[in-house]
C-alpha cells in the first residue's frame, strides 16, 4: 500500500523560507515541532502532487486526519504527531486546521478578493504560528500579531511562486479583483517576464503584504520566551527582506528568494536586534505607530 510518506516531494524543513525548529529553539521543543512540520509538509505535498487525482488527494488527507485522531497506525507522520501531542497533553486543533487549507488546495483554484486569500491563510498559515505559541506556553493575546506575520509569510510565498503554481497546478492565489484592477490576466503568468500590467498587480500585492507584516512587528516583544522571541525576530527579518524584493522585482524573471548569505545576514541581524531590544527594555513598534 502506498502511504502518505511515499508522496513526499523531498522538501525538508531546511528548504523553507523561515527557520523550522532551529538551534535557537530550546531542545525540549524541537521533537514536537519537527513532528508537526513533517505532518504539515506531507499533507502539503499530497495537495500539491502533480499526478495524484483529486479524489485520492482528499482520501489521503482524510486518512491522515483520522490517524492523527487515533484511528489507525499506517501513516507515520500522523501517528508520530499524535504521540508527540499526547506527551505534551496538547490537542490536535492546529494540525486539523491546516488540513482544511490543504483540502482547499485540492478543490479551490481561484480566489476572488484579498479577503478570500486572508481567509485561506487562516487555515494554511495562522495555525502554524498559534501552534508555536502554544508549544511555548504563550498567551493567546499574542495570536493577532502572529496571525499577521504568518499570513504575510504565506502571501510572500504565493507571490514568489505565482508562476510555478499556475504552470504546475493551475492554482492562482492572486485575487481576481487585483488582477482586473491592473488590467492583468491569468495567462500572463505563463510568460517568461511579467507584462507591465501583471507586474503592477504583483507589486501592489507586495505593498499590501508589507502592511500586513507591519502589523506583526510587536510579536517578538509580546512573547515571554527569549528563544522564541529570537526565532520570531529572525522570521520577521526574512519576511521583511523578501517583501522588499517583491516590491521591486519580477518573480517571473528575477530572483525573489533569499540566498544563503542573505539568510545568514538576516538571521544575525534579527537576533542582534531582539537581544538588544530585550536588554534595553524597548518595545518593537510598527511603522504606523512610529509615524512613518
Foldseek 3Di string as FASTA:
>chain_A
DDALVNLQPPDAQVPDLAHFLDPLDPPVLRQLRRLLRVLLRSLLSLLQRQPDALVVNVVNLVVLVCVLVPNDDDHPSSVSNSVVCVVVVHDCVLSVLLSVLSNCSSVPQAAADPVRLLVSLVRNFLSSQVVVCVSVVADCVLSQLSSLLRSLSVVLVLLLCQLVCCVRPVHHSQHPVLLVVLVHDSVQSPDLFHDPSVLVSQLVVLVVSLVSLLSNQQNLVRGDDVSVSLSVLLSSLSSNQLSVCSNPDTSSHDDSGDDPVRSVVSSVVSNVVSVVCVVVVHTGHGCVVVVD
